[in-house]
Amino acid sequence: MKILMLVNPHAGRKRGEAAAEKALEIFTQQRVDVETVFSHAAGSLIEVAAREVKGNWDGIVAVGGDGTLFEVINGMMSGDASLPIPLGIIPVGTGNSFSRDVPIHSIEHAITTIVAGKTRKVDLGYCQAADRSFYFVNILGFGFVADVAQKASLYKKWGDLSYVIGVFIITRKLKSYALDCEIDGQAFQFDNIFVEISNSMKTGGDMIMAPEAEIDDGLLDVVILNKVSRLRLLSALPKIFKGTHVRMQEVRTFKAAQMRFTPDGARILTPDGEIMGQTPITVSVVPRHLTVFAP
């Protein structure tokens, strides 16, 4: 077996390199031939994955979190959209949301699965934004959720507190906006706070944003939060850890294959935890297109 391991050394608060070393040791014990490439800058793994997806590999393995998967998948798709080889996931990010749905629980579990050659087909999301297009495998959001992520990125040195800081700063400025959308041919208008389009159930680790989502059902789960007060919003956030926020009267949920969102004013996007692109967006599912090593 011959594996290309693409590593984000900064993943999981700079645990990526140590994880890669541990993985290499276990692969070697299993007599797996491994070549390792480390990311040297944001986006560099996209170039490597694009070049190597047609290489003589039995699989490409991403060592990192959801953002690392985002780079590797988009690279593979740009190199050969037929995706001729499977993707392995060694989760060492801060969230590892998608890997929890696969499910892959640890470095050892990931490698055991890869060596056994077990795979499954999963869906991808495809987004055509105002300024670019890309694929995502976990989640895509805009509105409050994206604004918080962008603000939290300025406070990374505070670790997990960075997100809490972002929530309170953006909540102080909370304001709903007009949103026109079309979901599987049906038109809607909302007074919106945020939209999350999910392929997998979780985001940010243990937050169950889309409790009914399945990574291989050929559909994306849409969670739309409409106008709420600041206090109501803050009281609702803990519900996301149980997935009970979808019961709120201000929340609308959909399962769909095609959708378009046009909010009043351009809104930044957060695909798989990254911050890039802006609305308006057209989103579709690419059903069971990505082969991943899975139990």
Protein backbone atom coordinates (compact mmCIF):
# COMPACT_ATOMS: atom_id res chain seq x y z
CA MET A 1 0.00 0.00 0.00
CA LYS A 2 1.30 3.45 -0.96
CA ILE A 3 -0.08 6.55 0.76
CA LEU A 4 0.51 10.29 0.32
CA MET A 5 0.09 12.05 3.66
CA LEU A 6 -0.67 15.78 3.48
CA VAL A 7 -0.09 17.48 6.81
CA ASN A 8 -1.12 20.78 8.32
CA PRO A 9 1.49 21.16 11.09
CA HIS A 10 -0.50 24.00 12.69
CA ALA A 11 -3.71 21.99 13.04
CA GLY A 12 -5.07 21.42 16.54
CA ARG A 13 -2.97 24.22 18.01
CA LYS A 14 0.21 23.02 16.30
CA ARG A 15 -0.28 19.31 17.04
CA GLY A 16 -0.24 18.39 13.36
CA GLU A 17 3.45 17.62 13.06
CA ALA A 18 3.47 15.36 16.14
CA ALA A 19 0.37 13.58 14.84
CA ALA A 20 2.04 13.02 11.47
CA GLU A 21 5.12 11.54 13.15
CA LYS A 22 2.96 9.17 15.18
CA ALA A 23 0.97 8.21 12.08
CA LEU A 24 4.14 7.55 10.09
CA GLU A 25 5.43 5.28 12.85
CA ILE A 26 2.21 3.24 12.87
CA PHE A 27 2.03 3.08 9.06
CA THR A 28 5.64 1.84 8.97
CA GLN A 29 4.79 -0.90 11.48
CA GLN A 30 1.99 -1.92 9.13
CA ARG A 31 4.44 -2.00 6.19
CA VAL A 32 2.69 0.88 4.42
CA ASP A 33 4.81 3.03 2.11
CA VAL A 34 4.19 6.68 3.04
CA GLU A 35 5.35 9.96 1.54
CA THR A 36 4.73 13.04 3.67
CA VAL A 37 4.19 16.63 2.53
CA PHE A 38 3.79 19.46 5.02
CA SER A 39 1.81 22.62 4.37
CA HIS A 40 4.10 25.65 4.27
CA ALA A 41 1.42 28.31 3.83
CA ALA A 42 -2.35 28.67 3.71
CA GLY A 43 -3.60 27.01 0.53
CA SER A 44 -0.41 25.13 -0.28
CA LEU A 45 -2.04 21.72 0.16
CA ILE A 46 -4.52 22.62 -2.58
CA GLU A 47 -1.68 22.70 -5.10
CA VAL A 48 -0.17 19.43 -3.89
CA ALA A 49 -3.51 17.57 -3.86
CA ALA A 50 -4.32 18.86 -7.36
CA ARG A 51 -1.02 17.60 -8.69
CA GLU A 52 -0.99 14.24 -6.90
CA VAL A 53 -4.60 13.10 -7.23
CA LYS A 54 -3.61 11.41 -10.49
CA GLY A 55 -0.47 9.93 -8.94
CA ASN A 56 0.34 6.32 -8.23
CA TRP A 57 -1.18 6.30 -4.74
CA ASP A 58 -3.64 4.01 -3.01
CA GLY A 59 -4.99 7.03 -1.19
CA ILE A 60 -4.33 10.59 -0.06
CA VAL A 61 -4.50 11.13 3.70
CA ALA A 62 -5.22 14.55 5.23
CA VAL A 63 -3.70 15.16 8.66
CA GLY A 64 -5.48 18.11 10.25
CA GLY A 65 -8.97 19.45 10.87
CA ASP A 66 -11.93 20.51 8.77
CA GLY A 67 -9.95 23.34 7.17
CA THR A 68 -7.26 20.89 6.05
CA LEU A 69 -9.94 18.66 4.51
CA PHE A 70 -11.32 21.71 2.72
CA GLU A 71 -7.95 22.40 1.09
CA VAL A 72 -7.23 18.79 0.16
CA ILE A 73 -10.69 18.11 -1.28
CA ASN A 74 -10.70 21.28 -3.36
CA GLY A 75 -7.23 20.44 -4.59
CA MET A 76 -8.23 16.90 -5.54
CA MET A 77 -11.34 18.14 -7.35
CA SER A 78 -9.37 20.71 -9.34
CA GLY A 79 -6.77 18.09 -10.32
CA ASP A 80 -9.23 15.37 -11.36
CA ALA A 81 -12.93 15.85 -10.60
CA SER A 82 -13.54 12.11 -10.99
CA LEU A 83 -11.56 11.59 -7.75
CA PRO A 84 -9.84 8.35 -8.77
CA ILE A 85 -8.36 7.61 -5.32
CA PRO A 86 -9.90 7.65 -1.81
CA LEU A 87 -9.28 10.21 0.91
CA GLY A 88 -8.17 9.28 4.39
CA ILE A 89 -8.71 11.46 7.44
CA ILE A 90 -6.42 11.65 10.47
CA PRO A 91 -8.24 14.12 12.73
CA VAL A 92 -6.05 16.49 14.75
CA GLY A 93 -7.92 19.79 14.35
CA THR A 94 -9.74 21.73 17.04
CA GLY A 95 -13.15 20.66 15.75
CA ASN A 96 -12.84 17.60 13.50
CA SER A 97 -16.56 17.91 12.83
CA PHE A 98 -16.74 15.92 9.61
CA SER A 99 -14.57 13.05 10.86
CA ARG A 100 -17.02 12.52 13.74
CA ASP A 101 -19.75 11.72 11.21
CA VAL A 102 -17.59 9.27 9.21
CA PRO A 103 -16.82 8.23 12.04
CA ILE A 104 -13.07 8.38 12.71
CA HIS A 105 -12.16 8.79 16.38
CA SER A 106 -8.37 8.81 16.64
CA ILE A 107 -5.07 8.45 14.78
CA GLU A 108 -5.00 4.73 15.51
CA HIS A 109 -8.60 4.24 14.40
CA ALA A 110 -7.93 6.16 11.19
CA ILE A 111 -4.87 4.11 10.29
CA THR A 112 -6.53 0.78 11.08
CA THR A 113 -9.36 1.77 8.72
CA ILE A 114 -6.99 2.92 5.96
CA VAL A 115 -4.83 -0.22 6.12
CA ALA A 116 -7.96 -2.39 6.00
CA GLY A 117 -8.97 -0.57 2.81
CA LYS A 118 -12.51 0.06 4.03
CA THR A 119 -14.28 2.92 2.21
CA ARG A 120 -17.65 4.62 1.81
CA LYS A 121 -19.06 7.20 -0.60
CA VAL A 122 -20.08 10.58 0.85
CA ASP A 123 -21.66 13.73 -0.51
CA LEU A 124 -19.97 17.03 -1.27
CA GLY A 125 -21.47 20.49 -1.33
CA TYR A 126 -20.66 22.83 -4.21
CA CYS A 127 -20.92 26.59 -3.85
CA GLN A 128 -20.85 29.21 -6.59
CA ALA A 129 -20.29 32.46 -4.74
CA ALA A 130 -20.17 36.03 -5.99
CA ASP A 131 -16.39 35.96 -6.27
CA ARG A 132 -15.35 32.28 -6.47
CA SER A 133 -16.51 28.67 -6.41
CA PHE A 134 -15.50 25.80 -4.13
CA TYR A 135 -16.52 22.46 -2.64
CA PHE A 136 -17.24 21.82 1.03
CA VAL A 137 -17.73 18.63 3.00
CA ASN A 138 -18.86 19.82 6.43
CA ILE A 139 -20.75 23.12 6.53
CA LEU A 140 -21.20 26.49 4.85
CA GLY A 141 -22.59 29.49 6.67
CA PHE A 142 -23.19 33.23 6.44
CA GLY A 143 -24.69 35.92 8.62
CA PHE A 144 -24.15 35.84 12.39
CA VAL A 145 -22.18 32.57 12.33
CA ALA A 146 -19.70 33.84 9.75
CA ASP A 147 -19.36 37.23 11.41
CA VAL A 148 -18.54 35.51 14.72
CA ALA A 149 -15.95 33.26 13.06
CA GLN A 150 -14.29 36.24 11.40
CA LYS A 151 -14.19 38.19 14.67
CA ALA A 152 -12.96 35.17 16.64
CA SER A 153 -10.04 34.77 14.22
CA LEU A 154 -8.68 38.06 15.58
CA TYR A 155 -8.48 36.56 19.09
CA LYS A 156 -6.87 33.17 18.35
CA LYS A 157 -4.32 33.63 21.12
CA TRP A 158 -7.19 33.22 23.60
CA GLY A 159 -7.84 29.66 22.40
CA ASP A 160 -11.40 28.41 22.98
CA LEU A 161 -12.35 31.77 24.46
CA SER A 162 -11.89 33.40 21.04
CA TYR A 163 -15.29 32.12 19.88
CA VAL A 164 -17.00 33.35 23.06
CA ILE A 165 -15.42 36.76 22.55
CA GLY A 166 -16.64 36.79 18.94
CA VAL A 167 -20.18 35.86 19.99
CA PHE A 168 -20.50 38.71 22.47
CA ILE A 169 -18.96 41.32 20.16
CA ILE A 170 -21.20 40.41 17.21
CA THR A 171 -24.28 40.01 19.43
CA ARG A 172 -23.90 43.60 20.59
CA LYS A 173 -24.23 44.66 16.94
CA LEU A 174 -26.95 42.13 16.12
CA LYS A 175 -29.23 43.21 13.30
CA SER A 176 -31.41 41.11 11.03
CA TYR A 177 -31.42 41.54 7.24
CA ALA A 178 -33.71 40.75 4.34
CA LEU A 179 -33.00 37.40 2.67
CA ASP A 180 -34.42 36.08 -0.60
CA CYS A 181 -33.86 32.40 -1.22
CA GLU A 182 -34.95 29.58 -3.47
CA ILE A 183 -34.75 26.06 -2.07
CA ASP A 184 -35.45 23.19 -4.46
CA GLY A 185 -37.58 25.48 -6.57
CA GLN A 186 -39.56 27.08 -3.73
CA ALA A 187 -39.14 30.81 -3.12
CA PHE A 188 -38.90 32.27 0.40
CA GLN A 189 -38.27 35.63 2.02
CA PHE A 190 -36.91 35.87 5.54
CA ASP A 191 -35.86 38.50 8.06
CA ASN A 192 -32.66 36.63 8.73
CA ILE A 193 -29.90 36.27 11.34
CA PHE A 194 -27.92 33.37 9.86
CA VAL A 195 -27.99 30.46 7.42
CA GLU A 196 -26.03 27.22 7.84
CA ILE A 197 -25.93 24.65 5.04
CA SER A 198 -24.76 21.33 6.44
CA ASN A 199 -23.53 18.11 4.92
CA SER A 200 -22.63 16.62 8.31
CA MET A 201 -24.39 16.94 11.66
CA LYS A 202 -21.77 18.79 13.64
CA THR A 203 -19.76 21.97 13.48
CA GLY A 204 -17.08 23.38 15.75
CA GLY A 205 -16.56 19.98 17.32
CA ASP A 206 -19.62 19.06 19.39
CA MET A 207 -22.19 21.59 18.18
CA ILE A 208 -25.04 19.66 16.52
CA MET A 209 -26.05 22.26 13.96
CA ALA A 210 -28.05 19.89 11.74
CA PRO A 211 -29.27 16.94 13.84
CA GLU A 212 -30.92 15.20 10.87
CA ALA A 213 -27.98 15.54 8.46
CA GLU A 214 -26.45 12.47 6.83
CA ILE A 215 -23.22 12.60 4.83
CA ASP A 216 -24.43 10.21 2.14
CA ASP A 217 -28.15 10.93 1.66
CA GLY A 218 -27.76 13.09 -1.47
CA LEU A 219 -29.15 16.15 0.32
CA LEU A 220 -27.90 19.17 2.25
CA ASP A 221 -29.55 20.25 5.51
CA VAL A 222 -30.36 23.96 5.74
CA VAL A 223 -30.81 25.65 9.13
CA ILE A 224 -32.13 29.21 8.99
CA LEU A 225 -32.40 31.41 12.08
CA ASN A 226 -34.67 34.39 11.61
CA LYS A 227 -35.03 37.59 13.63
CA VAL A 228 -34.52 37.16 17.38
CA SER A 229 -33.65 39.47 20.27
CA ARG A 230 -30.10 39.53 21.61
CA LEU A 231 -31.16 37.78 24.79
CA ARG A 232 -33.10 35.14 22.89
CA LEU A 233 -30.09 34.48 20.68
CA LEU A 234 -27.68 34.08 23.60
CA SER A 235 -30.10 31.77 25.41
CA ALA A 236 -30.47 29.69 22.23
CA LEU A 237 -26.76 29.09 21.61
CA PRO A 238 -26.39 26.33 24.24
CA LYS A 239 -29.23 24.44 22.53
CA ILE A 240 -26.96 23.83 19.54
CA PHE A 241 -24.91 21.39 21.61
CA LYS A 242 -28.00 19.19 21.88
CA GLY A 243 -29.46 20.02 18.48
CA THR A 244 -32.65 21.31 20.08
CA HIS A 245 -32.32 24.79 18.56
CA VAL A 246 -34.16 23.48 15.49
CA ARG A 247 -37.35 23.38 17.60
CA MET A 248 -37.35 27.16 18.06
CA GLN A 249 -40.15 29.02 16.31
CA GLU A 250 -37.57 31.36 14.74
CA VAL A 251 -35.76 28.44 13.06
CA ARG A 252 -36.66 26.95 9.68
CA THR A 253 -35.05 23.75 8.43
CA PHE A 254 -34.96 22.17 4.99
CA LYS A 255 -33.43 19.18 3.22
CA ALA A 256 -32.58 20.10 -0.34
CA ALA A 257 -30.33 19.44 -3.32
CA GLN A 258 -30.32 22.91 -4.93
CA MET A 259 -30.59 26.36 -3.39
CA ARG A 260 -29.81 30.03 -3.91
CA PHE A 261 -29.45 32.74 -1.26
CA THR A 262 -29.46 36.47 -1.93
CA PRO A 263 -29.28 38.55 1.26
CA ASP A 264 -29.58 42.31 1.43
CA GLY A 265 -25.90 43.24 1.10
CA ALA A 266 -22.87 41.01 0.62
CA ARG A 267 -22.21 38.58 3.49
CA ILE A 268 -18.95 36.74 4.14
CA LEU A 269 -18.91 32.94 4.03
CA THR A 270 -17.38 30.28 6.27
CA PRO A 271 -16.97 27.02 4.33
CA ASP A 272 -15.66 24.26 6.62
CA GLY A 273 -14.41 26.82 9.12
CA GLU A 274 -12.48 28.86 6.57
CA ILE A 275 -13.33 32.51 5.90
CA MET A 276 -13.67 33.20 2.18
CA GLY A 277 -16.12 34.29 -0.47
CA GLN A 278 -19.33 36.26 -0.19
CA THR A 279 -22.99 36.14 -1.08
CA PRO A 280 -25.05 35.83 -3.20
CA ILE A 281 -24.49 32.08 -3.51
CA THR A 282 -25.88 29.13 -5.40
CA VAL A 283 -25.33 25.81 -3.64
CA SER A 284 -25.88 22.24 -4.78
CA VAL A 285 -25.07 18.76 -3.57
CA VAL A 286 -22.73 16.42 -5.44
CA PRO A 287 -24.16 13.10 -4.23
CA ARG A 288 -21.88 10.28 -3.07
CA HIS A 289 -18.97 11.66 -5.06
CA LEU A 290 -16.10 11.47 -2.55
CA THR A 291 -14.71 8.11 -1.45
CA VAL A 292 -13.33 8.20 2.09
CA PHE A 293 -11.64 5.53 4.15
CA ALA A 294 -14.28 4.68 6.76
CA PRO A 295 -15.11 1.85 9.19
